[in-house]
């Protein structure tokens, strides 16, 4: 049986914390609630959460300082929760290392969606990649170079014009050779979790890529039926 993912809820409002915990447990997450910053820091090391939901207004050590101290030792995702909706507060939280910022009150479905999206992005970013020829922000295969620094694609020695999202999709897939991604994962990583759209958006962009970048004897953009897509590198 797969290990449950653990979420540390840091909020001094017991009613809100219990409600959040209930939502998360229904989605099969394991939760732990603490009500102040000092407990958050001590329980972080003991509980080893996969994600932290962090209220900003805490007794003692505030949420900003908790975020600083967690970031000094760990890349564990943090979603800040706050009644403060000013741009300054959001920017400060994100600059300190938070992965997302939600304003209270929030919808339970949105909270769950953001939790799942942040965890998926974190898991994808920690995957060790097979060796490919890279330099800066580019990926190179025989007959194909995808460069994110200047948003350029070279195929068979010629520049290929494509919109930013097509290029980002190609770069993301080719940066993770032989790894299968669902349409939902691709939406999260390329369009962002705030994108409200149909997963067919991914299919349309894949179709356009295939019209411009044809399969090669060394690699191909492959469909994994019933799941999604992968950039297949052939041995």
C-alpha atoms as a PDB file:
ATOM      1  CA  UNK A   1       0.000   0.000   0.000  1.00  0.00           C
ATOM      2  CA  UNK A   2       1.336   3.430  -0.957  1.00  0.00           C
ATOM      3  CA  UNK A   3       2.347   5.738   1.869  1.00  0.00           C
ATOM      4  CA  UNK A   4      -0.160   8.493   2.588  1.00  0.00           C
ATOM      5  CA  UNK A   5       1.101  11.967   1.875  1.00  0.00           C
ATOM      6  CA  UNK A   6       1.407  14.052   5.005  1.00  0.00           C
ATOM      7  CA  UNK A   7       0.251  17.662   5.329  1.00  0.00           C
ATOM      8  CA  UNK A   8       1.124  19.899   8.264  1.00  0.00           C
ATOM      9  CA  UNK A   9      -1.627  22.454   8.978  1.00  0.00           C
ATOM     10  CA  UNK A  10      -0.379  25.516  10.865  1.00  0.00           C
ATOM     11  CA  UNK A  11      -3.270  27.737  12.009  1.00  0.00           C
ATOM     12  CA  UNK A  12      -4.227  29.144  15.411  1.00  0.00           C
ATOM     13  CA  UNK A  13      -7.932  29.092  14.511  1.00  0.00           C
ATOM     14  CA  UNK A  14      -8.936  25.604  15.626  1.00  0.00           C
ATOM     15  CA  UNK A  15     -12.224  25.622  13.726  1.00  0.00           C
ATOM     16  CA  UNK A  16     -10.584  26.486  10.406  1.00  0.00           C
ATOM     17  CA  UNK A  17      -7.744  24.029  10.989  1.00  0.00           C
ATOM     18  CA  UNK A  18     -10.124  21.173  11.795  1.00  0.00           C
ATOM     19  CA  UNK A  19     -12.225  21.952   8.735  1.00  0.00           C
ATOM     20  CA  UNK A  20      -9.172  21.960   6.470  1.00  0.00           C
ATOM     21  CA  UNK A  21      -8.032  18.692   8.023  1.00  0.00           C
ATOM     22  CA  UNK A  22     -11.424  17.126   7.340  1.00  0.00           C
ATOM     23  CA  UNK A  23     -11.299  18.165   3.657  1.00  0.00           C
ATOM     24  CA  UNK A  24      -7.811  16.724   3.275  1.00  0.00           C
ATOM     25  CA  UNK A  25      -8.520  13.452   5.070  1.00  0.00           C
ATOM     26  CA  UNK A  26     -11.442  12.874   2.703  1.00  0.00           C
ATOM     27  CA  UNK A  27      -8.846  13.012  -0.070  1.00  0.00           C
ATOM     28  CA  UNK A  28      -6.761  10.393   1.790  1.00  0.00           C
ATOM     29  CA  UNK A  29      -4.067  12.747   3.084  1.00  0.00           C
ATOM     30  CA  UNK A  30      -2.639  12.324   6.586  1.00  0.00           C
ATOM     31  CA  UNK A  31      -2.771  15.590   8.517  1.00  0.00           C
ATOM     32  CA  UNK A  32      -1.363  17.132  11.668  1.00  0.00           C
ATOM     33  CA  UNK A  33      -2.527  20.436  13.191  1.00  0.00           C
ATOM     34  CA  UNK A  34      -0.392  22.880  15.167  1.00  0.00           C
ATOM     35  CA  UNK A  35      -1.445  26.302  16.418  1.00  0.00           C
ATOM     36  CA  UNK A  36       1.747  28.356  16.619  1.00  0.00           C
ATOM     37  CA  UNK A  37       4.992  28.952  14.790  1.00  0.00           C
ATOM     38  CA  UNK A  38       7.300  27.360  17.332  1.00  0.00           C
ATOM     39  CA  UNK A  39       5.330  24.107  17.270  1.00  0.00           C
ATOM     40  CA  UNK A  40       5.294  24.233  13.478  1.00  0.00           C
ATOM     41  CA  UNK A  41       9.082  24.280  13.341  1.00  0.00           C
ATOM     42  CA  UNK A  42       9.552  21.491  15.885  1.00  0.00           C
ATOM     43  CA  UNK A  43       6.808  19.291  14.403  1.00  0.00           C
ATOM     44  CA  UNK A  44       8.075  19.860  10.862  1.00  0.00           C
ATOM     45  CA  UNK A  45      11.199  17.832  11.630  1.00  0.00           C
ATOM     46  CA  UNK A  46       9.238  15.117  13.430  1.00  0.00           C
ATOM     47  CA  UNK A  47       6.221  14.818  11.103  1.00  0.00           C
ATOM     48  CA  UNK A  48       8.233  15.249   7.863  1.00  0.00           C
ATOM     49  CA  UNK A  49       5.288  16.581   5.829  1.00  0.00           C
ATOM     50  CA  UNK A  50       5.007  16.497   2.052  1.00  0.00           C
ATOM     51  CA  UNK A  51       3.372  19.948   2.181  1.00  0.00           C
ATOM     52  CA  UNK A  52       2.770  22.717   4.742  1.00  0.00           C
ATOM     53  CA  UNK A  53      -0.397  24.837   4.901  1.00  0.00           C
ATOM     54  CA  UNK A  54       0.821  27.899   6.759  1.00  0.00           C
ATOM     55  CA  UNK A  55      -1.294  30.685   8.239  1.00  0.00           C
ATOM     56  CA  UNK A  56       0.555  34.005   8.451  1.00  0.00           C
ATOM     57  CA  UNK A  57      -0.952  35.460  11.626  1.00  0.00           C
ATOM     58  CA  UNK A  58       0.356  33.132  14.338  1.00  0.00           C
ATOM     59  CA  UNK A  59       1.110  33.704  18.022  1.00  0.00           C
ATOM     60  CA  UNK A  60       4.825  34.015  18.721  1.00  0.00           C
ATOM     61  CA  UNK A  61       6.760  33.295  15.542  1.00  0.00           C
ATOM     62  CA  UNK A  62       4.687  34.482  12.585  1.00  0.00           C
ATOM     63  CA  UNK A  63       4.143  32.591   9.331  1.00  0.00           C
ATOM     64  CA  UNK A  64       6.726  34.611   7.423  1.00  0.00           C
ATOM     65  CA  UNK A  65       9.478  33.596   9.839  1.00  0.00           C
ATOM     66  CA  UNK A  66       8.302  29.987   9.860  1.00  0.00           C
ATOM     67  CA  UNK A  67       8.546  30.007   6.071  1.00  0.00           C
ATOM     68  CA  UNK A  68      12.073  31.460   6.212  1.00  0.00           C
ATOM     69  CA  UNK A  69      13.268  28.808   8.642  1.00  0.00           C
ATOM     70  CA  UNK A  70      11.710  25.902   6.749  1.00  0.00           C
ATOM     71  CA  UNK A  71      13.193  27.167   3.487  1.00  0.00           C
ATOM     72  CA  UNK A  72      16.631  27.382   5.072  1.00  0.00           C
ATOM     73  CA  UNK A  73      16.659  23.599   5.471  1.00  0.00           C
ATOM     74  CA  UNK A  74      14.022  22.120   3.139  1.00  0.00           C
ATOM     75  CA  UNK A  75      12.339  22.499  -0.237  1.00  0.00           C
ATOM     76  CA  UNK A  76       9.043  21.053   1.046  1.00  0.00           C
ATOM     77  CA  UNK A  77       6.144  22.885  -0.636  1.00  0.00           C
ATOM     78  CA  UNK A  78       4.432  25.633   1.391  1.00  0.00           C
ATOM     79  CA  UNK A  79       1.031  27.167   0.716  1.00  0.00           C
ATOM     80  CA  UNK A  80       0.433  30.331   2.729  1.00  0.00           C
ATOM     81  CA  UNK A  81      -3.050  31.044   4.054  1.00  0.00           C
ATOM     82  CA  UNK A  82      -4.009  34.580   4.991  1.00  0.00           C
ATOM     83  CA  UNK A  83      -6.858  37.048   5.321  1.00  0.00           C
ATOM     84  CA  UNK A  84      -4.428  39.622   3.906  1.00  0.00           C
ATOM     85  CA  UNK A  85      -5.097  40.042   0.220  1.00  0.00           C
ATOM     86  CA  UNK A  86      -2.789  42.947  -0.574  1.00  0.00           C
ATOM     87  CA  UNK A  87      -0.280  42.481  -3.379  1.00  0.00           C
ATOM     88  CA  UNK A  88       2.598  43.312  -1.014  1.00  0.00           C
ATOM     89  CA  UNK A  89       1.716  40.433   1.317  1.00  0.00           C
ATOM     90  CA  UNK A  90       1.434  37.962  -1.563  1.00  0.00           C
ATOM     91  CA  UNK A  91       4.725  39.061  -3.108  1.00  0.00           C
ATOM     92  CA  UNK A  92       6.532  38.915   0.237  1.00  0.00           C
ATOM     93  CA  UNK A  93       5.231  35.422   0.920  1.00  0.00           C
ATOM     94  CA  UNK A  94       6.279  34.160  -2.500  1.00  0.00           C
ATOM     95  CA  UNK A  95       9.682  35.850  -2.272  1.00  0.00           C
ATOM     96  CA  UNK A  96      10.308  34.114   1.048  1.00  0.00           C
ATOM     97  CA  UNK A  97       9.829  30.788  -0.706  1.00  0.00           C
ATOM     98  CA  UNK A  98       6.129  29.961  -0.525  1.00  0.00           C
ATOM     99  CA  UNK A  99       4.854  27.943  -3.480  1.00  0.00           C
ATOM    100  CA  UNK A 100       1.359  29.423  -3.389  1.00  0.00           C
ATOM    101  CA  UNK A 101      -0.756  31.964  -1.490  1.00  0.00           C
ATOM    102  CA  UNK A 102      -4.477  31.622  -0.735  1.00  0.00           C
ATOM    103  CA  UNK A 103      -6.714  34.323   0.690  1.00  0.00           C
ATOM    104  CA  UNK A 104      -9.236  33.465   3.401  1.00  0.00           C
ATOM    105  CA  UNK A 105     -12.034  32.622   3.131  1.00  0.00           C
ATOM    106  CA  UNK A 106     -11.435  30.108   0.340  1.00  0.00           C
ATOM    107  CA  UNK A 107     -13.436  27.390  -1.349  1.00  0.00           C
ATOM    108  CA  UNK A 108     -12.630  23.848  -0.190  1.00  0.00           C
ATOM    109  CA  UNK A 109     -12.472  22.516  -3.758  1.00  0.00           C
ATOM    110  CA  UNK A 110      -9.989  25.202  -4.749  1.00  0.00           C
ATOM    111  CA  UNK A 111      -7.833  24.413  -1.724  1.00  0.00           C
ATOM    112  CA  UNK A 112      -7.732  20.706  -2.601  1.00  0.00           C
ATOM    113  CA  UNK A 113      -6.957  21.497  -6.250  1.00  0.00           C
ATOM    114  CA  UNK A 114      -4.069  23.760  -5.277  1.00  0.00           C
ATOM    115  CA  UNK A 115      -2.683  21.236  -2.778  1.00  0.00           C
ATOM    116  CA  UNK A 116      -2.669  18.526  -5.444  1.00  0.00           C
ATOM    117  CA  UNK A 117      -1.150  20.826  -8.065  1.00  0.00           C
ATOM    118  CA  UNK A 118       1.663  22.058  -5.801  1.00  0.00           C
ATOM    119  CA  UNK A 119       2.551  18.515  -4.690  1.00  0.00           C
ATOM    120  CA  UNK A 120       2.564  17.293  -8.307  1.00  0.00           C
ATOM    121  CA  UNK A 121       4.808  20.136  -9.414  1.00  0.00           C
ATOM    122  CA  UNK A 122       7.193  19.450  -6.540  1.00  0.00           C
ATOM    123  CA  UNK A 123       7.310  15.714  -7.283  1.00  0.00           C
ATOM    124  CA  UNK A 124       7.953  16.368 -10.975  1.00  0.00           C
ATOM    125  CA  UNK A 125      10.741  18.836 -10.211  1.00  0.00           C
ATOM    126  CA  UNK A 126      12.592  16.342  -7.999  1.00  0.00           C
ATOM    127  CA  UNK A 127      12.662  13.550 -10.592  1.00  0.00           C
ATOM    128  CA  UNK A 128      16.213  12.745 -11.633  1.00  0.00           C
ATOM    129  CA  UNK A 129      16.560  13.075 -15.388  1.00  0.00           C
ATOM    130  CA  UNK A 130      18.334  10.647 -17.704  1.00  0.00           C
ATOM    131  CA  UNK A 131      21.377  12.113 -19.428  1.00  0.00           C
ATOM    132  CA  UNK A 132      20.615  14.416 -22.320  1.00  0.00           C
ATOM    133  CA  UNK A 133      22.752  17.073 -23.974  1.00  0.00           C
ATOM    134  CA  UNK A 134      21.824  20.275 -22.166  1.00  0.00           C
ATOM    135  CA  UNK A 135      23.361  23.676 -21.658  1.00  0.00           C
ATOM    136  CA  UNK A 136      21.592  26.506 -19.898  1.00  0.00           C
ATOM    137  CA  UNK A 137      17.899  26.117 -20.587  1.00  0.00           C
ATOM    138  CA  UNK A 138      18.003  23.984 -23.673  1.00  0.00           C
ATOM    139  CA  UNK A 139      17.612  20.350 -24.601  1.00  0.00           C
ATOM    140  CA  UNK A 140      19.321  18.791 -27.595  1.00  0.00           C
ATOM    141  CA  UNK A 141      18.691  15.526 -29.420  1.00  0.00           C
ATOM    142  CA  UNK A 142      19.676  14.386 -32.899  1.00  0.00           C
ATOM    143  CA  UNK A 143      17.997  16.799 -35.373  1.00  0.00           C
ATOM    144  CA  UNK A 144      16.257  18.714 -32.554  1.00  0.00           C
ATOM    145  CA  UNK A 145      17.213  21.598 -30.271  1.00  0.00           C
ATOM    146  CA  UNK A 146      14.689  23.261 -27.945  1.00  0.00           C
ATOM    147  CA  UNK A 147      16.012  26.444 -26.358  1.00  0.00           C
ATOM    148  CA  UNK A 148      14.030  28.130 -23.575  1.00  0.00           C
ATOM    149  CA  UNK A 149      16.514  30.986 -23.208  1.00  0.00           C
ATOM    150  CA  UNK A 150      15.587  32.542 -26.550  1.00  0.00           C
ATOM    151  CA  UNK A 151      12.373  30.541 -27.182  1.00  0.00           C
ATOM    152  CA  UNK A 152      13.711  28.901 -30.321  1.00  0.00           C
ATOM    153  CA  UNK A 153      13.296  25.436 -31.830  1.00  0.00           C
ATOM    154  CA  UNK A 154      15.650  24.054 -34.443  1.00  0.00           C
ATOM    155  CA  UNK A 155      14.541  20.925 -36.312  1.00  0.00           C
ATOM    156  CA  UNK A 156      16.601  19.325 -39.096  1.00  0.00           C
ATOM    157  CA  UNK A 157      18.825  22.411 -39.019  1.00  0.00           C
ATOM    158  CA  UNK A 158      15.976  24.852 -39.600  1.00  0.00           C
ATOM    159  CA  UNK A 159      14.207  27.215 -37.210  1.00  0.00           C
ATOM    160  CA  UNK A 160      10.600  26.215 -36.488  1.00  0.00           C
ATOM    161  CA  UNK A 161       8.105  28.902 -35.564  1.00  0.00           C
ATOM    162  CA  UNK A 162       5.721  27.964 -32.753  1.00  0.00           C
ATOM    163  CA  UNK A 163       3.697  29.789 -30.065  1.00  0.00           C
ATOM    164  CA  UNK A 164       5.127  29.904 -26.518  1.00  0.00           C
ATOM    165  CA  UNK A 165       2.849  27.189 -25.090  1.00  0.00           C
ATOM    166  CA  UNK A 166       3.734  24.732 -27.847  1.00  0.00           C
ATOM    167  CA  UNK A 167       7.418  25.372 -27.243  1.00  0.00           C
ATOM    168  CA  UNK A 168       7.042  25.056 -23.463  1.00  0.00           C
ATOM    169  CA  UNK A 169       5.151  21.791 -23.879  1.00  0.00           C
ATOM    170  CA  UNK A 170       7.846  20.385 -26.180  1.00  0.00           C
ATOM    171  CA  UNK A 171      10.607  21.514 -23.805  1.00  0.00           C
ATOM    172  CA  UNK A 172       8.878  20.025 -20.767  1.00  0.00           C
ATOM    173  CA  UNK A 173       8.340  16.638 -22.415  1.00  0.00           C
ATOM    174  CA  UNK A 174      11.816  16.478 -23.958  1.00  0.00           C
ATOM    175  CA  UNK A 175      13.388  17.473 -20.619  1.00  0.00           C
ATOM    176  CA  UNK A 176      11.825  14.341 -19.086  1.00  0.00           C
ATOM    177  CA  UNK A 177      12.639  11.639 -21.658  1.00  0.00           C
ATOM    178  CA  UNK A 178      10.600   8.427 -21.457  1.00  0.00           C
ATOM    179  CA  UNK A 179       8.502   9.748 -18.583  1.00  0.00           C
ATOM    180  CA  UNK A 180       4.736   9.508 -19.031  1.00  0.00           C
ATOM    181  CA  UNK A 181       2.610  12.537 -18.103  1.00  0.00           C
ATOM    182  CA  UNK A 182      -1.165  12.667 -17.861  1.00  0.00           C
ATOM    183  CA  UNK A 183      -3.022  15.499 -19.542  1.00  0.00           C
ATOM    184  CA  UNK A 184      -3.796  16.947 -16.091  1.00  0.00           C
ATOM    185  CA  UNK A 185      -0.088  16.971 -15.170  1.00  0.00           C
ATOM    186  CA  UNK A 186       0.766  18.738 -18.416  1.00  0.00           C
ATOM    187  CA  UNK A 187      -1.956  21.328 -17.812  1.00  0.00           C
ATOM    188  CA  UNK A 188      -0.592  21.959 -14.307  1.00  0.00           C
ATOM    189  CA  UNK A 189       3.005  22.332 -15.454  1.00  0.00           C
ATOM    190  CA  UNK A 190       2.537  24.281 -18.690  1.00  0.00           C
ATOM    191  CA  UNK A 191      -0.680  26.260 -18.222  1.00  0.00           C
ATOM    192  CA  UNK A 192      -0.649  26.388 -14.393  1.00  0.00           C
ATOM    193  CA  UNK A 193      -3.153  25.127 -11.830  1.00  0.00           C
ATOM    194  CA  UNK A 194      -5.225  28.333 -12.175  1.00  0.00           C
ATOM    195  CA  UNK A 195      -5.984  27.480 -15.802  1.00  0.00           C
ATOM    196  CA  UNK A 196      -9.635  26.580 -16.192  1.00  0.00           C
ATOM    197  CA  UNK A 197      -9.861  24.591 -19.357  1.00  0.00           C
ATOM    198  CA  UNK A 198     -10.428  21.277 -21.043  1.00  0.00           C
ATOM    199  CA  UNK A 199      -7.715  18.602 -21.130  1.00  0.00           C
ATOM    200  CA  UNK A 200      -8.312  18.532 -24.894  1.00  0.00           C
ATOM    201  CA  UNK A 201      -6.164  21.681 -24.945  1.00  0.00           C
ATOM    202  CA  UNK A 202      -3.193  19.369 -24.479  1.00  0.00           C
ATOM    203  CA  UNK A 203      -4.313  17.109 -27.337  1.00  0.00           C
ATOM    204  CA  UNK A 204      -4.620  20.094 -29.686  1.00  0.00           C
ATOM    205  CA  UNK A 205      -1.115  21.320 -28.836  1.00  0.00           C
ATOM    206  CA  UNK A 206       0.370  17.833 -29.239  1.00  0.00           C
ATOM    207  CA  UNK A 207      -1.292  17.579 -32.671  1.00  0.00           C
ATOM    208  CA  UNK A 208       0.227  20.900 -33.715  1.00  0.00           C
ATOM    209  CA  UNK A 209       3.656  19.851 -32.471  1.00  0.00           C
ATOM    210  CA  UNK A 210       3.486  16.637 -34.474  1.00  0.00           C
ATOM    211  CA  UNK A 211       2.621  18.612 -37.586  1.00  0.00           C
ATOM    212  CA  UNK A 212       5.816  20.631 -37.150  1.00  0.00           C
ATOM    213  CA  UNK A 213       8.142  18.094 -35.503  1.00  0.00           C
ATOM    214  CA  UNK A 214       7.951  14.651 -37.108  1.00  0.00           C
ATOM    215  CA  UNK A 215       9.052  11.487 -35.327  1.00  0.00           C
ATOM    216  CA  UNK A 216      12.729  10.682 -35.580  1.00  0.00           C
ATOM    217  CA  UNK A 217      14.481   7.294 -35.551  1.00  0.00           C
ATOM    218  CA  UNK A 218      16.018   8.330 -32.218  1.00  0.00           C
ATOM    219  CA  UNK A 219      12.994   9.938 -30.544  1.00  0.00           C
ATOM    220  CA  UNK A 220       9.264  10.577 -30.896  1.00  0.00           C
ATOM    221  CA  UNK A 221       6.332  12.295 -29.189  1.00  0.00           C
ATOM    222  CA  UNK A 222       4.366   9.210 -28.190  1.00  0.00           C
ATOM    223  CA  UNK A 223       0.802   8.698 -27.029  1.00  0.00           C
ATOM    224  CA  UNK A 224       0.366   6.370 -24.046  1.00  0.00           C
ATOM    225  CA  UNK A 225      -3.216   5.239 -24.531  1.00  0.00           C
ATOM    226  CA  UNK A 226      -5.489   5.825 -21.582  1.00  0.00           C
ATOM    227  CA  UNK A 227      -2.850   7.888 -19.757  1.00  0.00           C
ATOM    228  CA  UNK A 228      -1.235  10.724 -21.683  1.00  0.00           C
ATOM    229  CA  UNK A 229       2.000  11.476 -23.532  1.00  0.00           C
ATOM    230  CA  UNK A 230       5.748  11.046 -23.335  1.00  0.00           C
ATOM    231  CA  UNK A 231       8.857  12.079 -25.238  1.00  0.00           C
ATOM    232  CA  UNK A 232      10.207   8.646 -26.127  1.00  0.00           C
ATOM    233  CA  UNK A 233      13.934   8.250 -26.601  1.00  0.00           C
ATOM    234  CA  UNK A 234      14.746   5.103 -28.565  1.00  0.00           C
ATOM    235  CA  UNK A 235      17.769   3.030 -27.670  1.00  0.00           C
END
